[in-house]
């Protein structure tokens, strides 16, 4: 099975936790991340100040945050097809990141 390579070229915040993401093939996705902001890695991004620190990693060309959170650019590219599965997977992650951290 071939895994397409996509690169994020730009993004704009269009609503709280929602980004319009543009790709190297001139397509774009409007992505509401809030439903998947759960668990140890993504839960902290519910802090609007942290979420707003998103940038494009120059090496892997995807969205990244200072806490190490990122998403595969192919997942972002096909968000309209993959969002339901991502949201379902996120339902299994704890909403409170402090519950999943290890001592």
PDB file of N, CA and C in Angstrom:
ATOM      1  N   UNK A   1       0.841  -1.172   0.000  1.00  0.00           N
ATOM      2  CA  UNK A   1       0.000   0.000   0.000  1.00  0.00           C
ATOM      3  C   UNK A   1       0.890   1.242   0.000  1.00  0.00           C
ATOM      4  N   UNK A   2       0.637   2.131  -0.895  1.00  0.00           N
ATOM      5  CA  UNK A   2       1.425   3.344  -1.021  1.00  0.00           C
ATOM      6  C   UNK A   2       0.930   4.413  -0.056  1.00  0.00           C
ATOM      7  N   UNK A   3       1.868   5.048   0.624  1.00  0.00           N
ATOM      8  CA  UNK A   3       1.552   6.128   1.559  1.00  0.00           C
ATOM      9  C   UNK A   3       1.900   7.444   0.875  1.00  0.00           C
ATOM     10  N   UNK A   4       0.888   8.265   0.540  1.00  0.00           N
ATOM     11  CA  UNK A   4       1.196   9.514  -0.155  1.00  0.00           C
ATOM     12  C   UNK A   4       1.995  10.464   0.731  1.00  0.00           C
ATOM     13  N   UNK A   5       2.857  11.211   0.084  1.00  0.00           N
ATOM     14  CA  UNK A   5       3.653  12.214   0.779  1.00  0.00           C
ATOM     15  C   UNK A   5       3.008  13.576   0.523  1.00  0.00           C
ATOM     16  N   UNK A   6       2.648  14.246   1.583  1.00  0.00           N
ATOM     17  CA  UNK A   6       2.076  15.589   1.486  1.00  0.00           C
ATOM     18  C   UNK A   6       2.867  16.508   2.383  1.00  0.00           C
ATOM     19  N   UNK A   7       2.904  17.766   2.009  1.00  0.00           N
ATOM     20  CA  UNK A   7       3.611  18.771   2.797  1.00  0.00           C
ATOM     21  C   UNK A   7       2.666  19.914   3.100  1.00  0.00           C
ATOM     22  N   UNK A   8       2.655  20.331   4.346  1.00  0.00           N
ATOM     23  CA  UNK A   8       1.906  21.514   4.729  1.00  0.00           C
ATOM     24  C   UNK A   8       2.724  22.718   4.282  1.00  0.00           C
ATOM     25  N   UNK A   9       2.078  23.647   3.559  1.00  0.00           N
ATOM     26  CA  UNK A   9       2.787  24.830   3.084  1.00  0.00           C
ATOM     27  C   UNK A   9       2.399  26.087   3.852  1.00  0.00           C
ATOM     28  N   UNK A  10       1.183  26.115   4.407  1.00  0.00           N
ATOM     29  CA  UNK A  10       0.772  27.270   5.200  1.00  0.00           C
ATOM     30  C   UNK A  10      -0.472  26.907   6.000  1.00  0.00           C
ATOM     31  N   UNK A  11      -0.821  27.776   6.933  1.00  0.00           N
ATOM     32  CA  UNK A  11      -2.041  27.595   7.704  1.00  0.00           C
ATOM     33  C   UNK A  11      -2.502  28.949   8.215  1.00  0.00           C
ATOM     34  N   UNK A  12      -3.787  29.033   8.531  1.00  0.00           N
ATOM     35  CA  UNK A  12      -4.378  30.221   9.145  1.00  0.00           C
ATOM     36  C   UNK A  12      -5.357  29.765  10.203  1.00  0.00           C
ATOM     37  N   UNK A  13      -5.388  30.467  11.313  1.00  0.00           N
ATOM     38  CA  UNK A  13      -6.401  30.219  12.336  1.00  0.00           C
ATOM     39  C   UNK A  13      -7.696  30.861  11.854  1.00  0.00           C
ATOM     40  N   UNK A  14      -8.777  30.066  11.778  1.00  0.00           N
ATOM     41  CA  UNK A  14     -10.044  30.602  11.294  1.00  0.00           C
ATOM     42  C   UNK A  14     -11.130  30.578  12.372  1.00  0.00           C
ATOM     43  N   UNK A  15     -10.873  29.909  13.474  1.00  0.00           N
ATOM     44  CA  UNK A  15     -11.782  29.845  14.622  1.00  0.00           C
ATOM     45  C   UNK A  15     -10.992  29.222  15.766  1.00  0.00           C
ATOM     46  N   UNK A  16     -11.537  29.287  17.000  1.00  0.00           N
ATOM     47  CA  UNK A  16     -10.815  28.626  18.095  1.00  0.00           C
ATOM     48  C   UNK A  16     -10.558  27.151  17.776  1.00  0.00           C
ATOM     49  N   UNK A  17      -9.324  26.745  17.885  1.00  0.00           N
ATOM     50  CA  UNK A  17      -8.873  25.361  17.654  1.00  0.00           C
ATOM     51  C   UNK A  17      -9.075  24.892  16.210  1.00  0.00           C
ATOM     52  N   UNK A  18      -9.378  25.808  15.303  1.00  0.00           N
ATOM     53  CA  UNK A  18      -9.629  25.448  13.912  1.00  0.00           C
ATOM     54  C   UNK A  18      -8.632  26.153  13.010  1.00  0.00           C
ATOM     55  N   UNK A  19      -7.973  25.346  12.179  1.00  0.00           N
ATOM     56  CA  UNK A  19      -6.983  25.879  11.257  1.00  0.00           C
ATOM     57  C   UNK A  19      -7.360  25.529   9.824  1.00  0.00           C
ATOM     58  N   UNK A  20      -7.136  26.469   8.933  1.00  0.00           N
ATOM     59  CA  UNK A  20      -7.208  26.177   7.494  1.00  0.00           C
ATOM     60  C   UNK A  20      -5.781  25.827   7.093  1.00  0.00           C
ATOM     61  N   UNK A  21      -5.596  24.594   6.664  1.00  0.00           N
ATOM     62  CA  UNK A  21      -4.270  24.071   6.357  1.00  0.00           C
ATOM     63  C   UNK A  21      -4.154  23.895   4.849  1.00  0.00           C
ATOM     64  N   UNK A  22      -3.089  24.458   4.268  1.00  0.00           N
ATOM     65  CA  UNK A  22      -2.854  24.342   2.832  1.00  0.00           C
ATOM     66  C   UNK A  22      -1.659  23.424   2.578  1.00  0.00           C
ATOM     67  N   UNK A  23      -1.747  22.707   1.459  1.00  0.00           N
ATOM     68  CA  UNK A  23      -0.764  21.674   1.128  1.00  0.00           C
ATOM     69  C   UNK A  23      -0.070  21.964  -0.188  1.00  0.00           C
ATOM     70  N   UNK A  24       1.010  21.233  -0.433  1.00  0.00           N
ATOM     71  CA  UNK A  24       1.825  21.449  -1.622  1.00  0.00           C
ATOM     72  C   UNK A  24       1.109  21.096  -2.923  1.00  0.00           C
ATOM     73  N   UNK A  25      -0.024  20.423  -2.853  1.00  0.00           N
ATOM     74  CA  UNK A  25      -0.788  20.121  -4.064  1.00  0.00           C
ATOM     75  C   UNK A  25      -1.918  21.134  -4.268  1.00  0.00           C
ATOM     76  N   UNK A  26      -1.850  22.265  -3.579  1.00  0.00           N
ATOM     77  CA  UNK A  26      -2.795  23.372  -3.649  1.00  0.00           C
ATOM     78  C   UNK A  26      -4.183  23.034  -3.097  1.00  0.00           C
ATOM     79  N   UNK A  27      -4.296  21.961  -2.325  1.00  0.00           N
ATOM     80  CA  UNK A  27      -5.552  21.668  -1.649  1.00  0.00           C
ATOM     81  C   UNK A  27      -5.496  22.256  -0.250  1.00  0.00           C
ATOM     82  N   UNK A  28      -6.650  22.296   0.391  1.00  0.00           N
ATOM     83  CA  UNK A  28      -6.701  22.787   1.765  1.00  0.00           C
ATOM     84  C   UNK A  28      -7.765  22.040   2.546  1.00  0.00           C
ATOM     85  N   UNK A  29      -7.587  22.041   3.850  1.00  0.00           N
ATOM     86  CA  UNK A  29      -8.545  21.437   4.774  1.00  0.00           C
ATOM     87  C   UNK A  29      -8.797  22.433   5.897  1.00  0.00           C
ATOM     88  N   UNK A  30     -10.064  22.586   6.282  1.00  0.00           N
ATOM     89  CA  UNK A  30     -10.413  23.315   7.488  1.00  0.00           C
ATOM     90  C   UNK A  30     -10.575  22.273   8.579  1.00  0.00           C
ATOM     91  N   UNK A  31      -9.709  22.333   9.590  1.00  0.00           N
ATOM     92  CA  UNK A  31      -9.653  21.274  10.597  1.00  0.00           C
ATOM     93  C   UNK A  31      -9.967  21.841  11.969  1.00  0.00           C
ATOM     94  N   UNK A  32     -11.028  21.315  12.572  1.00  0.00           N
ATOM     95  CA  UNK A  32     -11.356  21.623  13.970  1.00  0.00           C
ATOM     96  C   UNK A  32     -10.669  20.552  14.808  1.00  0.00           C
ATOM     97  N   UNK A  33      -9.609  20.939  15.492  1.00  0.00           N
ATOM     98  CA  UNK A  33      -8.820  19.991  16.267  1.00  0.00           C
ATOM     99  C   UNK A  33      -9.436  19.664  17.630  1.00  0.00           C
ATOM    100  N   UNK A  34     -10.361  20.475  18.117  1.00  0.00           N
ATOM    101  CA  UNK A  34     -10.859  20.312  19.480  1.00  0.00           C
ATOM    102  C   UNK A  34     -11.304  18.884  19.810  1.00  0.00           C
ATOM    103  N   UNK A  35     -12.023  18.183  18.930  1.00  0.00           N
ATOM    104  CA  UNK A  35     -12.457  16.824  19.292  1.00  0.00           C
ATOM    105  C   UNK A  35     -11.326  15.822  19.533  1.00  0.00           C
ATOM    106  N   UNK A  36     -10.118  16.120  19.047  1.00  0.00           N
ATOM    107  CA  UNK A  36      -9.007  15.172  19.252  1.00  0.00           C
ATOM    108  C   UNK A  36      -7.979  15.684  20.255  1.00  0.00           C
ATOM    109  N   UNK A  37      -8.268  16.794  20.906  1.00  0.00           N
ATOM    110  CA  UNK A  37      -7.329  17.334  21.893  1.00  0.00           C
ATOM    111  C   UNK A  37      -7.570  16.680  23.241  1.00  0.00           C
ATOM    112  N   UNK A  38      -7.085  15.480  23.341  1.00  0.00           N
ATOM    113  CA  UNK A  38      -7.219  14.663  24.543  1.00  0.00           C
ATOM    114  C   UNK A  38      -5.907  13.921  24.762  1.00  0.00           C
ATOM    115  N   UNK A  39      -5.740  13.382  25.949  1.00  0.00           N
ATOM    116  CA  UNK A  39      -4.573  12.557  26.230  1.00  0.00           C
ATOM    117  C   UNK A  39      -3.347  13.374  26.592  1.00  0.00           C
ATOM    118  N   UNK A  40      -2.288  12.669  26.867  1.00  0.00           N
ATOM    119  CA  UNK A  40      -1.048  13.271  27.355  1.00  0.00           C
ATOM    120  C   UNK A  40      -0.415  14.218  26.341  1.00  0.00           C
ATOM    121  N   UNK A  41      -0.433  13.854  25.075  1.00  0.00           N
ATOM    122  CA  UNK A  41       0.232  14.659  24.055  1.00  0.00           C
ATOM    123  C   UNK A  41      -0.646  15.791  23.533  1.00  0.00           C
ATOM    124  N   UNK A  42      -1.881  15.482  23.190  1.00  0.00           N
ATOM    125  CA  UNK A  42      -2.749  16.480  22.561  1.00  0.00           C
ATOM    126  C   UNK A  42      -3.606  17.249  23.557  1.00  0.00           C
ATOM    127  N   UNK A  43      -3.883  16.700  24.730  1.00  0.00           N
ATOM    128  CA  UNK A  43      -4.713  17.369  25.734  1.00  0.00           C
ATOM    129  C   UNK A  43      -4.204  18.748  26.128  1.00  0.00           C
ATOM    130  N   UNK A  44      -2.896  18.919  26.323  1.00  0.00           N
ATOM    131  CA  UNK A  44      -2.402  20.246  26.687  1.00  0.00           C
ATOM    132  C   UNK A  44      -2.712  21.329  25.656  1.00  0.00           C
ATOM    133  N   UNK A  45      -2.995  20.935  24.411  1.00  0.00           N
ATOM    134  CA  UNK A  45      -3.294  21.912  23.371  1.00  0.00           C
ATOM    135  C   UNK A  45      -4.667  22.561  23.549  1.00  0.00           C
ATOM    136  N   UNK A  46      -5.453  22.085  24.529  1.00  0.00           N
ATOM    137  CA  UNK A  46      -6.706  22.769  24.864  1.00  0.00           C
ATOM    138  C   UNK A  46      -6.426  24.140  25.472  1.00  0.00           C
ATOM    139  N   UNK A  47      -5.209  24.345  25.943  1.00  0.00           N
ATOM    140  CA  UNK A  47      -4.779  25.667  26.388  1.00  0.00           C
ATOM    141  C   UNK A  47      -4.597  26.512  25.119  1.00  0.00           C
ATOM    142  N   UNK A  48      -5.453  27.522  24.962  1.00  0.00           N
ATOM    143  CA  UNK A  48      -5.433  28.314  23.727  1.00  0.00           C
ATOM    144  C   UNK A  48      -4.078  28.968  23.477  1.00  0.00           C
ATOM    145  N   UNK A  49      -3.397  29.346  24.545  1.00  0.00           N
ATOM    146  CA  UNK A  49      -2.073  29.965  24.378  1.00  0.00           C
ATOM    147  C   UNK A  49      -1.086  28.974  23.766  1.00  0.00           C
ATOM    148  N   UNK A  50      -1.132  27.713  24.209  1.00  0.00           N
ATOM    149  CA  UNK A  50      -0.253  26.690  23.643  1.00  0.00           C
ATOM    150  C   UNK A  50      -0.684  26.339  22.228  1.00  0.00           C
ATOM    151  N   UNK A  51      -1.986  26.163  22.016  1.00  0.00           N
ATOM    152  CA  UNK A  51      -2.466  25.819  20.672  1.00  0.00           C
ATOM    153  C   UNK A  51      -2.023  26.870  19.654  1.00  0.00           C
ATOM    154  N   UNK A  52      -2.059  28.128  20.054  1.00  0.00           N
ATOM    155  CA  UNK A  52      -1.731  29.211  19.126  1.00  0.00           C
ATOM    156  C   UNK A  52      -0.250  29.249  18.756  1.00  0.00           C
ATOM    157  N   UNK A  53       0.585  28.454  19.416  1.00  0.00           N
ATOM    158  CA  UNK A  53       2.017  28.410  19.107  1.00  0.00           C
ATOM    159  C   UNK A  53       2.354  27.419  17.993  1.00  0.00           C
ATOM    160  N   UNK A  54       1.346  26.940  17.303  1.00  0.00           N
ATOM    161  CA  UNK A  54       1.549  26.009  16.199  1.00  0.00           C
ATOM    162  C   UNK A  54       2.443  26.641  15.134  1.00  0.00           C
ATOM    163  N   UNK A  55       3.264  25.809  14.522  1.00  0.00           N
ATOM    164  CA  UNK A  55       4.096  26.262  13.408  1.00  0.00           C
ATOM    165  C   UNK A  55       4.313  25.083  12.458  1.00  0.00           C
ATOM    166  N   UNK A  56       4.950  25.367  11.346  1.00  0.00           N
ATOM    167  CA  UNK A  56       5.267  24.315  10.378  1.00  0.00           C
ATOM    168  C   UNK A  56       6.711  23.885  10.597  1.00  0.00           C
ATOM    169  N   UNK A  57       6.905  22.601  10.826  1.00  0.00           N
ATOM    170  CA  UNK A  57       8.251  22.073  10.969  1.00  0.00           C
ATOM    171  C   UNK A  57       8.924  22.116   9.588  1.00  0.00           C
ATOM    172  N   UNK A  58      10.070  22.779   9.472  1.00  0.00           N
ATOM    173  CA  UNK A  58      10.714  22.920   8.168  1.00  0.00           C
ATOM    174  C   UNK A  58      11.296  21.626   7.604  1.00  0.00           C
ATOM    175  N   UNK A  59      11.492  20.640   8.459  1.00  0.00           N
ATOM    176  CA  UNK A  59      12.067  19.379   7.985  1.00  0.00           C
ATOM    177  C   UNK A  59      11.000  18.402   7.506  1.00  0.00           C
ATOM    178  N   UNK A  60       9.934  18.235   8.296  1.00  0.00           N
ATOM    179  CA  UNK A  60       8.911  17.242   7.945  1.00  0.00           C
ATOM    180  C   UNK A  60       7.650  17.865   7.357  1.00  0.00           C
ATOM    181  N   UNK A  61       7.580  19.196   7.327  1.00  0.00           N
ATOM    182  CA  UNK A  61       6.498  19.929   6.663  1.00  0.00           C
ATOM    183  C   UNK A  61       5.118  19.548   7.179  1.00  0.00           C
ATOM    184  N   UNK A  62       4.993  19.566   8.498  1.00  0.00           N
ATOM    185  CA  UNK A  62       3.698  19.348   9.112  1.00  0.00           C
ATOM    186  C   UNK A  62       3.546  20.325  10.266  1.00  0.00           C
ATOM    187  N   UNK A  63       2.336  20.371  10.833  1.00  0.00           N
ATOM    188  CA  UNK A  63       2.075  21.234  11.969  1.00  0.00           C
ATOM    189  C   UNK A  63       2.687  20.629  13.224  1.00  0.00           C
ATOM    190  N   UNK A  64       3.357  21.458  14.007  1.00  0.00           N
ATOM    191  CA  UNK A  64       3.959  21.016  15.259  1.00  0.00           C
ATOM    192  C   UNK A  64       3.702  22.073  16.335  1.00  0.00           C
ATOM    193  N   UNK A  65       3.727  21.607  17.576  1.00  0.00           N
ATOM    194  CA  UNK A  65       3.546  22.483  18.731  1.00  0.00           C
ATOM    195  C   UNK A  65       4.757  22.337  19.644  1.00  0.00           C
ATOM    196  N   UNK A  66       5.002  23.331  20.505  1.00  0.00           N
ATOM    197  CA  UNK A  66       6.178  23.295  21.375  1.00  0.00           C
ATOM    198  C   UNK A  66       6.244  22.088  22.311  1.00  0.00           C
ATOM    199  N   UNK A  67       5.107  21.462  22.628  1.00  0.00           N
ATOM    200  CA  UNK A  67       5.119  20.313  23.534  1.00  0.00           C
ATOM    201  C   UNK A  67       5.435  19.002  22.804  1.00  0.00           C
ATOM    202  N   UNK A  68       5.726  19.063  21.507  1.00  0.00           N
ATOM    203  CA  UNK A  68       6.055  17.867  20.739  1.00  0.00           C
ATOM    204  C   UNK A  68       4.885  17.271  19.974  1.00  0.00           C
ATOM    205  N   UNK A  69       3.697  17.810  20.147  1.00  0.00           N
ATOM    206  CA  UNK A  69       2.526  17.304  19.413  1.00  0.00           C
ATOM    207  C   UNK A  69       2.661  17.631  17.933  1.00  0.00           C
ATOM    208  N   UNK A  70       2.263  16.681  17.115  1.00  0.00           N
ATOM    209  CA  UNK A  70       2.206  16.897  15.675  1.00  0.00           C
ATOM    210  C   UNK A  70       1.234  15.889  15.074  1.00  0.00           C
ATOM    211  N   UNK A  71       0.946  16.050  13.802  1.00  0.00           N
ATOM    212  CA  UNK A  71       0.081  15.130  13.071  1.00  0.00           C
ATOM    213  C   UNK A  71       0.765  14.789  11.756  1.00  0.00           C
ATOM    214  N   UNK A  72       0.615  13.551  11.326  1.00  0.00           N
ATOM    215  CA  UNK A  72       1.127  13.131  10.029  1.00  0.00           C
ATOM    216  C   UNK A  72       0.482  14.042   8.970  1.00  0.00           C
ATOM    217  N   UNK A  73       1.285  14.635   8.078  1.00  0.00           N
ATOM    218  CA  UNK A  73       0.684  15.513   7.073  1.00  0.00           C
ATOM    219  C   UNK A  73      -0.302  14.795   6.154  1.00  0.00           C
ATOM    220  N   UNK A  74      -0.142  13.497   5.948  1.00  0.00           N
ATOM    221  CA  UNK A  74      -1.109  12.749   5.132  1.00  0.00           C
ATOM    222  C   UNK A  74      -2.457  12.673   5.833  1.00  0.00           C
ATOM    223  N   UNK A  75      -2.449  12.560   7.164  1.00  0.00           N
ATOM    224  CA  UNK A  75      -3.695  12.560   7.930  1.00  0.00           C
ATOM    225  C   UNK A  75      -4.365  13.925   7.817  1.00  0.00           C
ATOM    226  N   UNK A  76      -3.581  14.989   7.961  1.00  0.00           N
ATOM    227  CA  UNK A  76      -4.138  16.337   7.827  1.00  0.00           C
ATOM    228  C   UNK A  76      -4.709  16.543   6.428  1.00  0.00           C
ATOM    229  N   UNK A  77      -3.976  16.106   5.416  1.00  0.00           N
ATOM    230  CA  UNK A  77      -4.404  16.262   4.030  1.00  0.00           C
ATOM    231  C   UNK A  77      -5.756  15.596   3.783  1.00  0.00           C
ATOM    232  N   UNK A  78      -5.957  14.441   4.375  1.00  0.00           N
ATOM    233  CA  UNK A  78      -7.193  13.679   4.163  1.00  0.00           C
ATOM    234  C   UNK A  78      -8.127  13.762   5.360  1.00  0.00           C
ATOM    235  N   UNK A  79      -8.062  14.855   6.122  1.00  0.00           N
ATOM    236  CA  UNK A  79      -8.852  14.995   7.344  1.00  0.00           C
ATOM    237  C   UNK A  79     -10.337  14.754   7.094  1.00  0.00           C
ATOM    238  N   UNK A  80     -10.856  15.213   5.965  1.00  0.00           N
ATOM    239  CA  UNK A  80     -12.277  15.017   5.683  1.00  0.00           C
ATOM    240  C   UNK A  80     -12.646  13.538   5.618  1.00  0.00           C
ATOM    241  N   UNK A  81     -11.698  12.680   5.285  1.00  0.00           N
ATOM    242  CA  UNK A  81     -11.939  11.235   5.222  1.00  0.00           C
ATOM    243  C   UNK A  81     -11.542  10.524   6.513  1.00  0.00           C
ATOM    244  N   UNK A  82     -10.631  11.116   7.285  1.00  0.00           N
ATOM    245  CA  UNK A  82     -10.064  10.443   8.455  1.00  0.00           C
ATOM    246  C   UNK A  82     -10.536  10.994   9.796  1.00  0.00           C
ATOM    247  N   UNK A  83     -11.233  12.120   9.797  1.00  0.00           N
ATOM    248  CA  UNK A  83     -11.560  12.774  11.068  1.00  0.00           C
ATOM    249  C   UNK A  83     -12.417  11.899  11.975  1.00  0.00           C
ATOM    250  N   UNK A  84     -13.381  11.191  11.422  1.00  0.00           N
ATOM    251  CA  UNK A  84     -14.231  10.335  12.266  1.00  0.00           C
ATOM    252  C   UNK A  84     -13.396   9.281  12.984  1.00  0.00           C
ATOM    253  N   UNK A  85     -12.469   8.661  12.288  1.00  0.00           N
ATOM    254  CA  UNK A  85     -11.610   7.649  12.915  1.00  0.00           C
ATOM    255  C   UNK A  85     -10.700   8.283  13.959  1.00  0.00           C
ATOM    256  N   UNK A  86     -10.189   9.478  13.672  1.00  0.00           N
ATOM    257  CA  UNK A  86      -9.334  10.169  14.642  1.00  0.00           C
ATOM    258  C   UNK A  86     -10.114  10.533  15.903  1.00  0.00           C
ATOM    259  N   UNK A  87     -11.332  11.025  15.724  1.00  0.00           N
ATOM    260  CA  UNK A  87     -12.167  11.398  16.867  1.00  0.00           C
ATOM    261  C   UNK A  87     -12.511  10.167  17.686  1.00  0.00           C
ATOM    262  N   UNK A  88     -12.832   9.069  17.024  1.00  0.00           N
ATOM    263  CA  UNK A  88     -13.150   7.829  17.729  1.00  0.00           C
ATOM    264  C   UNK A  88     -11.929   7.334  18.520  1.00  0.00           C
ATOM    265  N   UNK A  89     -10.770   7.405  17.916  1.00  0.00           N
ATOM    266  CA  UNK A  89      -9.549   6.991  18.608  1.00  0.00           C
ATOM    267  C   UNK A  89      -9.307   7.894  19.824  1.00  0.00           C
ATOM    268  N   UNK A  90      -9.525   9.189  19.657  1.00  0.00           N
ATOM    269  CA  UNK A  90      -9.295  10.137  20.750  1.00  0.00           C
ATOM    270  C   UNK A  90     -10.241   9.916  21.920  1.00  0.00           C
ATOM    271  N   UNK A  91     -11.396   9.343  21.671  1.00  0.00           N
ATOM    272  CA  UNK A  91     -12.333   9.063  22.766  1.00  0.00           C
ATOM    273  C   UNK A  91     -11.737   8.086  23.778  1.00  0.00           C
ATOM    274  N   UNK A  92     -10.755   7.314  23.363  1.00  0.00           N
ATOM    275  CA  UNK A  92     -10.097   6.374  24.264  1.00  0.00           C
ATOM    276  C   UNK A  92      -8.960   7.007  25.053  1.00  0.00           C
ATOM    277  N   UNK A  93      -8.619   8.250  24.718  1.00  0.00           N
ATOM    278  CA  UNK A  93      -7.572   8.959  25.432  1.00  0.00           C
ATOM    279  C   UNK A  93      -8.214   9.749  26.556  1.00  0.00           C
ATOM    280  N   UNK A  94      -7.565   9.845  27.665  1.00  0.00           N
ATOM    281  CA  UNK A  94      -8.067  10.620  28.795  1.00  0.00           C
ATOM    282  C   UNK A  94      -8.161  12.090  28.410  1.00  0.00           C
ATOM    283  N   UNK A  95      -9.246  12.748  28.814  1.00  0.00           N
ATOM    284  CA  UNK A  95      -9.396  14.168  28.550  1.00  0.00           C
ATOM    285  C   UNK A  95      -8.428  14.982  29.408  1.00  0.00           C
ATOM    286  N   UNK A  96      -8.194  14.526  30.635  1.00  0.00           N
ATOM    287  CA  UNK A  96      -7.322  15.234  31.570  1.00  0.00           C
ATOM    288  C   UNK A  96      -5.904  14.709  31.406  1.00  0.00           C
ATOM    289  N   UNK A  97      -4.991  15.511  30.834  1.00  0.00           N
ATOM    290  CA  UNK A  97      -3.633  14.996  30.621  1.00  0.00           C
ATOM    291  C   UNK A  97      -2.927  14.590  31.908  1.00  0.00           C
ATOM    292  N   UNK A  98      -3.312  15.143  33.044  1.00  0.00           N
ATOM    293  CA  UNK A  98      -2.642  14.771  34.294  1.00  0.00           C
ATOM    294  C   UNK A  98      -2.942  13.339  34.698  1.00  0.00           C
ATOM    295  N   UNK A  99      -4.008  12.764  34.155  1.00  0.00           N
ATOM    296  CA  UNK A  99      -4.351  11.383  34.485  1.00  0.00           C
ATOM    297  C   UNK A  99      -3.482  10.384  33.731  1.00  0.00           C
ATOM    298  N   UNK A 100      -2.814  10.835  32.663  1.00  0.00           N
ATOM    299  CA  UNK A 100      -2.045   9.899  31.852  1.00  0.00           C
ATOM    300  C   UNK A 100      -0.555  10.096  31.986  1.00  0.00           C
ATOM    301  N   UNK A 101      -0.125  11.059  32.773  1.00  0.00           N
ATOM    302  CA  UNK A 101       1.310  11.272  32.913  1.00  0.00           C
ATOM    303  C   UNK A 101       1.880  10.237  33.879  1.00  0.00           C
ATOM    304  N   UNK A 102       3.095   9.854  33.638  1.00  0.00           N
ATOM    305  CA  UNK A 102       3.733   8.880  34.527  1.00  0.00           C
ATOM    306  C   UNK A 102       4.650   9.602  35.511  1.00  0.00           C
ATOM    307  N   UNK A 103       4.777   9.036  36.695  1.00  0.00           N
ATOM    308  CA  UNK A 103       5.598   9.665  37.735  1.00  0.00           C
ATOM    309  C   UNK A 103       7.040   9.282  37.584  1.00  0.00           C
TER     310      UNK A 103
END
